């Protein structure tokens, strides 16, 4: 948990930030597996979440 806060301390703490970081993690995992469609979907979802919260 401490690592999560340290890596994301540029944004204020919020449920949206956590959801966004989870989507970015999913996008990275999908990309590592070579699943570009899955990575794009997760990335777009993360962008939407960050847009709503800011």
PDB file of N, CA and C in Angstrom:
ATOM      1  N   UNK A   1       0.835  -1.203   0.000  1.00  0.00           N
ATOM      2  CA  UNK A   1       0.000   0.000   0.000  1.00  0.00           C
ATOM      3  C   UNK A   1       0.868   1.250   0.000  1.00  0.00           C
ATOM      4  N   UNK A   2       1.941   1.228   0.764  1.00  0.00           N
ATOM      5  CA  UNK A   2       2.813   2.402   0.829  1.00  0.00           C
ATOM      6  C   UNK A   2       3.420   2.708  -0.533  1.00  0.00           C
ATOM      7  N   UNK A   3       3.740   1.634  -1.263  1.00  0.00           N
ATOM      8  CA  UNK A   3       4.343   1.825  -2.573  1.00  0.00           C
ATOM      9  C   UNK A   3       3.353   2.491  -3.523  1.00  0.00           C
ATOM     10  N   UNK A   4       2.085   2.087  -3.433  1.00  0.00           N
ATOM     11  CA  UNK A   4       1.044   2.652  -4.296  1.00  0.00           C
ATOM     12  C   UNK A   4       0.932   4.157  -4.068  1.00  0.00           C
ATOM     13  N   UNK A   5       0.887   4.575  -2.806  1.00  0.00           N
ATOM     14  CA  UNK A   5       0.762   5.995  -2.484  1.00  0.00           C
ATOM     15  C   UNK A   5       2.004   6.751  -2.954  1.00  0.00           C
ATOM     16  N   UNK A   6       3.178   6.152  -2.752  1.00  0.00           N
ATOM     17  CA  UNK A   6       4.415   6.828  -3.130  1.00  0.00           C
ATOM     18  C   UNK A   6       4.492   7.033  -4.639  1.00  0.00           C
ATOM     19  N   UNK A   7       4.008   6.050  -5.405  1.00  0.00           N
ATOM     20  CA  UNK A   7       4.147   6.165  -6.857  1.00  0.00           C
ATOM     21  C   UNK A   7       3.080   7.078  -7.447  1.00  0.00           C
ATOM     22  N   UNK A   8       1.972   7.286  -6.733  1.00  0.00           N
ATOM     23  CA  UNK A   8       0.879   8.080  -7.282  1.00  0.00           C
ATOM     24  C   UNK A   8       0.645   9.361  -6.522  1.00  0.00           C
ATOM     25  N   UNK A   9       1.657   9.896  -5.850  1.00  0.00           N
ATOM     26  CA  UNK A   9       1.428  11.046  -4.978  1.00  0.00           C
ATOM     27  C   UNK A   9       1.281  12.363  -5.726  1.00  0.00           C
ATOM     28  N   UNK A  10       1.384  12.355  -7.059  1.00  0.00           N
ATOM     29  CA  UNK A  10       1.193  13.581  -7.814  1.00  0.00           C
ATOM     30  C   UNK A  10      -0.291  13.963  -7.838  1.00  0.00           C
ATOM     31  N   UNK A  11      -1.158  12.941  -7.789  1.00  0.00           N
ATOM     32  CA  UNK A  11      -2.592  13.191  -7.785  1.00  0.00           C
ATOM     33  C   UNK A  11      -3.115  13.102  -6.359  1.00  0.00           C
ATOM     34  N   UNK A  12      -4.164  13.849  -6.023  1.00  0.00           N
ATOM     35  CA  UNK A  12      -4.760  13.725  -4.692  1.00  0.00           C
ATOM     36  C   UNK A  12      -5.354  12.338  -4.516  1.00  0.00           C
ATOM     37  N   UNK A  13      -5.363  11.846  -3.282  1.00  0.00           N
ATOM     38  CA  UNK A  13      -5.917  10.519  -3.036  1.00  0.00           C
ATOM     39  C   UNK A  13      -7.406  10.512  -3.296  1.00  0.00           C
ATOM     40  N   UNK A  14      -7.862   9.547  -4.069  1.00  0.00           N
ATOM     41  CA  UNK A  14      -9.282   9.424  -4.366  1.00  0.00           C
ATOM     42  C   UNK A  14      -9.550   8.031  -4.892  1.00  0.00           C
ATOM     43  N   UNK A  15     -10.790   7.560  -4.799  1.00  0.00           N
ATOM     44  CA  UNK A  15     -11.113   6.246  -5.365  1.00  0.00           C
ATOM     45  C   UNK A  15     -10.818   6.220  -6.863  1.00  0.00           C
ATOM     46  N   UNK A  16     -11.006   7.340  -7.535  1.00  0.00           N
ATOM     47  CA  UNK A  16     -10.751   7.406  -8.965  1.00  0.00           C
ATOM     48  C   UNK A  16      -9.301   7.156  -9.306  1.00  0.00           C
ATOM     49  N   UNK A  17      -8.404   7.678  -8.462  1.00  0.00           N
ATOM     50  CA  UNK A  17      -6.974   7.467  -8.711  1.00  0.00           C
ATOM     51  C   UNK A  17      -6.642   5.985  -8.613  1.00  0.00           C
ATOM     52  N   UNK A  18      -7.198   5.326  -7.605  1.00  0.00           N
ATOM     53  CA  UNK A  18      -6.917   3.910  -7.426  1.00  0.00           C
ATOM     54  C   UNK A  18      -7.457   3.108  -8.605  1.00  0.00           C
ATOM     55  N   UNK A  19      -8.671   3.440  -9.044  1.00  0.00           N
ATOM     56  CA  UNK A  19      -9.274   2.742 -10.182  1.00  0.00           C
ATOM     57  C   UNK A  19      -8.442   2.969 -11.432  1.00  0.00           C
ATOM     58  N   UNK A  20      -7.949   4.198 -11.602  1.00  0.00           N
ATOM     59  CA  UNK A  20      -7.158   4.511 -12.781  1.00  0.00           C
ATOM     60  C   UNK A  20      -5.852   3.724 -12.776  1.00  0.00           C
ATOM     61  N   UNK A  21      -5.198   3.670 -11.620  1.00  0.00           N
ATOM     62  CA  UNK A  21      -3.932   2.938 -11.540  1.00  0.00           C
ATOM     63  C   UNK A  21      -4.164   1.449 -11.781  1.00  0.00           C
ATOM     64  N   UNK A  22      -5.329   0.939 -11.353  1.00  0.00           N
ATOM     65  CA  UNK A  22      -5.650  -0.462 -11.586  1.00  0.00           C
ATOM     66  C   UNK A  22      -5.831  -0.710 -13.080  1.00  0.00           C
ATOM     67  N   UNK A  23      -6.493   0.213 -13.768  1.00  0.00           N
ATOM     68  CA  UNK A  23      -6.683   0.068 -15.219  1.00  0.00           C
ATOM     69  C   UNK A  23      -5.343   0.149 -15.946  1.00  0.00           C
ATOM     70  N   UNK A  24      -4.475   1.065 -15.504  1.00  0.00           N
ATOM     71  CA  UNK A  24      -3.163   1.180 -16.144  1.00  0.00           C
ATOM     72  C   UNK A  24      -2.363  -0.098 -15.927  1.00  0.00           C
ATOM     73  N   UNK A  25      -2.493  -0.690 -14.744  1.00  0.00           N
ATOM     74  CA  UNK A  25      -1.823  -1.958 -14.476  1.00  0.00           C
ATOM     75  C   UNK A  25      -2.357  -3.053 -15.387  1.00  0.00           C
ATOM     76  N   UNK A  26      -3.677  -3.056 -15.596  1.00  0.00           N
ATOM     77  CA  UNK A  26      -4.288  -4.046 -16.482  1.00  0.00           C
ATOM     78  C   UNK A  26      -3.812  -3.827 -17.916  1.00  0.00           C
ATOM     79  N   UNK A  27      -3.690  -2.561 -18.309  1.00  0.00           N
ATOM     80  CA  UNK A  27      -3.219  -2.248 -19.662  1.00  0.00           C
ATOM     81  C   UNK A  27      -1.780  -2.738 -19.847  1.00  0.00           C
ATOM     82  N   UNK A  28      -0.939  -2.505 -18.840  1.00  0.00           N
ATOM     83  CA  UNK A  28       0.451  -2.954 -18.925  1.00  0.00           C
ATOM     84  C   UNK A  28       0.539  -4.466 -18.984  1.00  0.00           C
ATOM     85  N   UNK A  29      -0.295  -5.146 -18.200  1.00  0.00           N
ATOM     86  CA  UNK A  29      -0.284  -6.608 -18.186  1.00  0.00           C
ATOM     87  C   UNK A  29      -0.727  -7.144 -19.546  1.00  0.00           C
ATOM     88  N   UNK A  30      -1.763  -6.536 -20.120  1.00  0.00           N
ATOM     89  CA  UNK A  30      -2.257  -6.977 -21.425  1.00  0.00           C
ATOM     90  C   UNK A  30      -1.195  -6.745 -22.501  1.00  0.00           C
ATOM     91  N   UNK A  31      -0.513  -5.612 -22.399  1.00  0.00           N
ATOM     92  CA  UNK A  31       0.519  -5.294 -23.380  1.00  0.00           C
ATOM     93  C   UNK A  31       1.678  -6.290 -23.273  1.00  0.00           C
ATOM     94  N   UNK A  32       2.017  -6.668 -22.046  1.00  0.00           N
ATOM     95  CA  UNK A  32       3.104  -7.625 -21.843  1.00  0.00           C
ATOM     96  C   UNK A  32       2.768  -8.970 -22.480  1.00  0.00           C
ATOM     97  N   UNK A  33       1.472  -9.295 -22.505  1.00  0.00           N
ATOM     98  CA  UNK A  33       1.050 -10.555 -23.116  1.00  0.00           C
ATOM     99  C   UNK A  33       0.856 -10.424 -24.625  1.00  0.00           C
ATOM    100  N   UNK A  34       0.997  -9.204 -25.141  1.00  0.00           N
ATOM    101  CA  UNK A  34       0.825  -8.992 -26.568  1.00  0.00           C
ATOM    102  C   UNK A  34      -0.631  -8.756 -26.958  1.00  0.00           C
ATOM    103  N   UNK A  35      -1.467  -8.467 -25.975  1.00  0.00           N
ATOM    104  CA  UNK A  35      -2.893  -8.237 -26.233  1.00  0.00           C
ATOM    105  C   UNK A  35      -3.129  -6.741 -26.396  1.00  0.00           C
ATOM    106  N   UNK A  36      -2.904  -6.243 -27.609  1.00  0.00           N
ATOM    107  CA  UNK A  36      -3.006  -4.798 -27.825  1.00  0.00           C
ATOM    108  C   UNK A  36      -4.439  -4.294 -27.689  1.00  0.00           C
ATOM    109  N   UNK A  37      -5.407  -5.093 -28.098  1.00  0.00           N
ATOM    110  CA  UNK A  37      -6.802  -4.654 -27.977  1.00  0.00           C
ATOM    111  C   UNK A  37      -7.187  -4.496 -26.514  1.00  0.00           C
ATOM    112  N   UNK A  38      -6.816  -5.463 -25.692  1.00  0.00           N
ATOM    113  CA  UNK A  38      -7.108  -5.385 -24.265  1.00  0.00           C
ATOM    114  C   UNK A  38      -6.382  -4.218 -23.617  1.00  0.00           C
ATOM    115  N   UNK A  39      -5.134  -4.009 -24.045  1.00  0.00           N
ATOM    116  CA  UNK A  39      -4.350  -2.906 -23.487  1.00  0.00           C
ATOM    117  C   UNK A  39      -4.999  -1.570 -23.828  1.00  0.00           C
ATOM    118  N   UNK A  40      -5.450  -1.420 -25.064  1.00  0.00           N
ATOM    119  CA  UNK A  40      -6.077  -0.158 -25.486  1.00  0.00           C
ATOM    120  C   UNK A  40      -7.363   0.087 -24.726  1.00  0.00           C
ATOM    121  N   UNK A  41      -8.166  -0.968 -24.535  1.00  0.00           N
ATOM    122  CA  UNK A  41      -9.427  -0.806 -23.816  1.00  0.00           C
ATOM    123  C   UNK A  41      -9.178  -0.352 -22.387  1.00  0.00           C
ATOM    124  N   UNK A  42      -8.218  -0.981 -21.715  1.00  0.00           N
ATOM    125  CA  UNK A  42      -7.910  -0.598 -20.337  1.00  0.00           C
ATOM    126  C   UNK A  42      -7.348   0.807 -20.283  1.00  0.00           C
ATOM    127  N   UNK A  43      -6.516   1.159 -21.270  1.00  0.00           N
ATOM    128  CA  UNK A  43      -5.912   2.489 -21.290  1.00  0.00           C
ATOM    129  C   UNK A  43      -6.976   3.563 -21.483  1.00  0.00           C
ATOM    130  N   UNK A  44      -7.906   3.320 -22.406  1.00  0.00           N
ATOM    131  CA  UNK A  44      -8.973   4.283 -22.650  1.00  0.00           C
ATOM    132  C   UNK A  44      -9.842   4.428 -21.404  1.00  0.00           C
ATOM    133  N   UNK A  45     -10.123   3.300 -20.735  1.00  0.00           N
ATOM    134  CA  UNK A  45     -10.924   3.350 -19.519  1.00  0.00           C
ATOM    135  C   UNK A  45     -10.215   4.182 -18.451  1.00  0.00           C
ATOM    136  N   UNK A  46      -8.903   4.007 -18.339  1.00  0.00           N
ATOM    137  CA  UNK A  46      -8.131   4.781 -17.362  1.00  0.00           C
ATOM    138  C   UNK A  46      -8.191   6.269 -17.701  1.00  0.00           C
ATOM    139  N   UNK A  47      -8.118   6.599 -18.984  1.00  0.00           N
ATOM    140  CA  UNK A  47      -8.195   8.002 -19.393  1.00  0.00           C
ATOM    141  C   UNK A  47      -9.565   8.586 -19.050  1.00  0.00           C
ATOM    142  N   UNK A  48     -10.625   7.818 -19.247  1.00  0.00           N
ATOM    143  CA  UNK A  48     -11.965   8.295 -18.925  1.00  0.00           C
ATOM    144  C   UNK A  48     -12.106   8.541 -17.434  1.00  0.00           C
ATOM    145  N   UNK A  49     -11.583   7.617 -16.628  1.00  0.00           N
ATOM    146  CA  UNK A  49     -11.654   7.768 -15.174  1.00  0.00           C
ATOM    147  C   UNK A  49     -10.921   9.020 -14.744  1.00  0.00           C
ATOM    148  N   UNK A  50      -9.718   9.234 -15.279  1.00  0.00           N
ATOM    149  CA  UNK A  50      -8.931  10.403 -14.876  1.00  0.00           C
ATOM    150  C   UNK A  50      -9.609  11.687 -15.347  1.00  0.00           C
ATOM    151  N   UNK A  51     -10.277  11.645 -16.481  1.00  0.00           N
ATOM    152  CA  UNK A  51     -10.980  12.824 -16.975  1.00  0.00           C
ATOM    153  C   UNK A  51     -12.160  13.197 -16.094  1.00  0.00           C
ATOM    154  N   UNK A  52     -12.867  12.191 -15.584  1.00  0.00           N
ATOM    155  CA  UNK A  52     -14.021  12.445 -14.731  1.00  0.00           C
ATOM    156  C   UNK A  52     -13.604  13.021 -13.399  1.00  0.00           C
ATOM    157  N   UNK A  53     -12.462  12.588 -12.870  1.00  0.00           N
ATOM    158  CA  UNK A  53     -12.097  12.945 -11.509  1.00  0.00           C
ATOM    159  C   UNK A  53     -11.386  14.291 -11.413  1.00  0.00           C
ATOM    160  N   UNK A  54     -10.773  14.740 -12.493  1.00  0.00           N
ATOM    161  CA  UNK A  54      -9.979  15.957 -12.385  1.00  0.00           C
ATOM    162  C   UNK A  54     -10.829  17.208 -12.519  1.00  0.00           C
TER     163      UNK A  54
END
